[in-house]
């Protein structure tokens, strides 16, 4: 059985917090290349690694990872990207 693709917001969260891939890798105890694989969706994290990433960003796992494509956070928080536009 082919592994299920897990979508994530790691790149957006990393950039938002001003971390380089190396810095995030150090914080979650992985190689910087692993961060790249995770960001590109080429590697699904173990449960332990998902928890470390969640703790690093201070967010629930379900905000960072999903089995379905993720909408932009602003769209999830404020609704449709066309609503509320000025």
C-alpha atoms as a PDB file:
ATOM      1  CA  UNK A   1       0.000   0.000   0.000  1.00  0.00           C
ATOM      2  CA  UNK A   2       1.370   3.401  -1.017  1.00  0.00           C
ATOM      3  CA  UNK A   3       1.888   5.836   1.899  1.00  0.00           C
ATOM      4  CA  UNK A   4      -0.726   8.571   2.121  1.00  0.00           C
ATOM      5  CA  UNK A   5       0.506  12.083   1.276  1.00  0.00           C
ATOM      6  CA  UNK A   6       0.533  14.413   4.264  1.00  0.00           C
ATOM      7  CA  UNK A   7       0.273  18.133   3.492  1.00  0.00           C
ATOM      8  CA  UNK A   8       1.915  20.681   5.772  1.00  0.00           C
ATOM      9  CA  UNK A   9       2.564  24.345   6.468  1.00  0.00           C
ATOM     10  CA  UNK A  10       6.154  23.942   7.640  1.00  0.00           C
ATOM     11  CA  UNK A  11       7.706  26.280   5.046  1.00  0.00           C
ATOM     12  CA  UNK A  12       5.205  29.070   5.750  1.00  0.00           C
ATOM     13  CA  UNK A  13       5.581  28.746   9.515  1.00  0.00           C
ATOM     14  CA  UNK A  14       9.372  28.540   9.300  1.00  0.00           C
ATOM     15  CA  UNK A  15       9.580  31.673   7.159  1.00  0.00           C
ATOM     16  CA  UNK A  16       7.044  33.497   9.326  1.00  0.00           C
ATOM     17  CA  UNK A  17       9.248  32.878  12.344  1.00  0.00           C
ATOM     18  CA  UNK A  18      12.439  33.772  10.494  1.00  0.00           C
ATOM     19  CA  UNK A  19      14.061  30.329  10.832  1.00  0.00           C
ATOM     20  CA  UNK A  20      16.431  29.008   8.209  1.00  0.00           C
ATOM     21  CA  UNK A  21      16.134  25.326   7.352  1.00  0.00           C
ATOM     22  CA  UNK A  22      19.280  24.745   9.395  1.00  0.00           C
ATOM     23  CA  UNK A  23      17.834  26.509  12.438  1.00  0.00           C
ATOM     24  CA  UNK A  24      14.571  24.564  12.293  1.00  0.00           C
ATOM     25  CA  UNK A  25      16.498  21.334  11.793  1.00  0.00           C
ATOM     26  CA  UNK A  26      18.534  22.023  14.946  1.00  0.00           C
ATOM     27  CA  UNK A  27      15.396  22.850  16.949  1.00  0.00           C
ATOM     28  CA  UNK A  28      13.674  19.580  15.972  1.00  0.00           C
ATOM     29  CA  UNK A  29      16.857  17.430  15.944  1.00  0.00           C
ATOM     30  CA  UNK A  30      16.936  16.427  12.270  1.00  0.00           C
ATOM     31  CA  UNK A  31      19.218  17.041   9.292  1.00  0.00           C
ATOM     32  CA  UNK A  32      18.460  20.264   7.382  1.00  0.00           C
ATOM     33  CA  UNK A  33      17.764  18.151   4.276  1.00  0.00           C
ATOM     34  CA  UNK A  34      14.924  16.451   6.149  1.00  0.00           C
ATOM     35  CA  UNK A  35      13.289  19.855   6.617  1.00  0.00           C
ATOM     36  CA  UNK A  36      13.430  20.360   2.835  1.00  0.00           C
ATOM     37  CA  UNK A  37      11.916  16.927   2.188  1.00  0.00           C
ATOM     38  CA  UNK A  38       9.141  17.664   4.674  1.00  0.00           C
ATOM     39  CA  UNK A  39       8.417  21.095   3.186  1.00  0.00           C
ATOM     40  CA  UNK A  40       8.173  19.683  -0.340  1.00  0.00           C
ATOM     41  CA  UNK A  41       5.935  16.831   0.820  1.00  0.00           C
ATOM     42  CA  UNK A  42       8.508  14.223  -0.198  1.00  0.00           C
ATOM     43  CA  UNK A  43       8.642  12.755   3.309  1.00  0.00           C
ATOM     44  CA  UNK A  44       5.930  12.143   5.897  1.00  0.00           C
ATOM     45  CA  UNK A  45       7.095  12.764   9.466  1.00  0.00           C
ATOM     46  CA  UNK A  46       6.931  10.134  12.172  1.00  0.00           C
ATOM     47  CA  UNK A  47       4.484  10.854  14.962  1.00  0.00           C
ATOM     48  CA  UNK A  48       7.402  11.781  17.227  1.00  0.00           C
ATOM     49  CA  UNK A  49       8.754  14.251  14.648  1.00  0.00           C
ATOM     50  CA  UNK A  50       5.278  15.731  14.059  1.00  0.00           C
ATOM     51  CA  UNK A  51       5.020  16.391  17.814  1.00  0.00           C
ATOM     52  CA  UNK A  52       8.476  18.009  17.887  1.00  0.00           C
ATOM     53  CA  UNK A  53       7.515  20.293  14.988  1.00  0.00           C
ATOM     54  CA  UNK A  54       4.219  21.123  16.692  1.00  0.00           C
ATOM     55  CA  UNK A  55       6.016  22.001  19.928  1.00  0.00           C
ATOM     56  CA  UNK A  56       8.621  24.075  18.083  1.00  0.00           C
ATOM     57  CA  UNK A  57       5.932  26.233  16.455  1.00  0.00           C
ATOM     58  CA  UNK A  58       3.637  26.189  19.488  1.00  0.00           C
ATOM     59  CA  UNK A  59       0.705  25.033  17.370  1.00  0.00           C
ATOM     60  CA  UNK A  60      -1.547  21.958  17.356  1.00  0.00           C
ATOM     61  CA  UNK A  61      -0.482  19.218  14.944  1.00  0.00           C
ATOM     62  CA  UNK A  62      -3.719  19.572  12.955  1.00  0.00           C
ATOM     63  CA  UNK A  63      -2.876  23.210  12.149  1.00  0.00           C
ATOM     64  CA  UNK A  64       0.471  22.125  10.656  1.00  0.00           C
ATOM     65  CA  UNK A  65      -0.397  18.781   9.031  1.00  0.00           C
ATOM     66  CA  UNK A  66      -3.394  17.451   7.112  1.00  0.00           C
ATOM     67  CA  UNK A  67      -4.238  14.490   4.866  1.00  0.00           C
ATOM     68  CA  UNK A  68      -6.021  17.030   2.613  1.00  0.00           C
ATOM     69  CA  UNK A  69      -4.540  20.034   0.789  1.00  0.00           C
ATOM     70  CA  UNK A  70      -4.341  22.994   3.158  1.00  0.00           C
ATOM     71  CA  UNK A  71      -5.941  26.364   2.492  1.00  0.00           C
ATOM     72  CA  UNK A  72      -3.979  29.513   3.372  1.00  0.00           C
ATOM     73  CA  UNK A  73      -4.310  30.225   7.098  1.00  0.00           C
ATOM     74  CA  UNK A  74      -5.882  33.624   6.417  1.00  0.00           C
ATOM     75  CA  UNK A  75      -8.607  31.937   4.368  1.00  0.00           C
ATOM     76  CA  UNK A  76      -9.254  29.379   7.107  1.00  0.00           C
ATOM     77  CA  UNK A  77      -9.413  32.076   9.777  1.00  0.00           C
ATOM     78  CA  UNK A  78     -11.406  34.679   7.878  1.00  0.00           C
ATOM     79  CA  UNK A  79     -13.408  32.602   5.401  1.00  0.00           C
ATOM     80  CA  UNK A  80     -13.380  32.808   1.631  1.00  0.00           C
ATOM     81  CA  UNK A  81     -10.575  34.867   0.130  1.00  0.00           C
ATOM     82  CA  UNK A  82     -13.178  36.969  -1.693  1.00  0.00           C
ATOM     83  CA  UNK A  83     -15.289  37.786   1.354  1.00  0.00           C
ATOM     84  CA  UNK A  84     -14.443  40.913   3.247  1.00  0.00           C
ATOM     85  CA  UNK A  85     -12.322  42.298   0.435  1.00  0.00           C
ATOM     86  CA  UNK A  86     -12.159  46.048   0.141  1.00  0.00           C
END
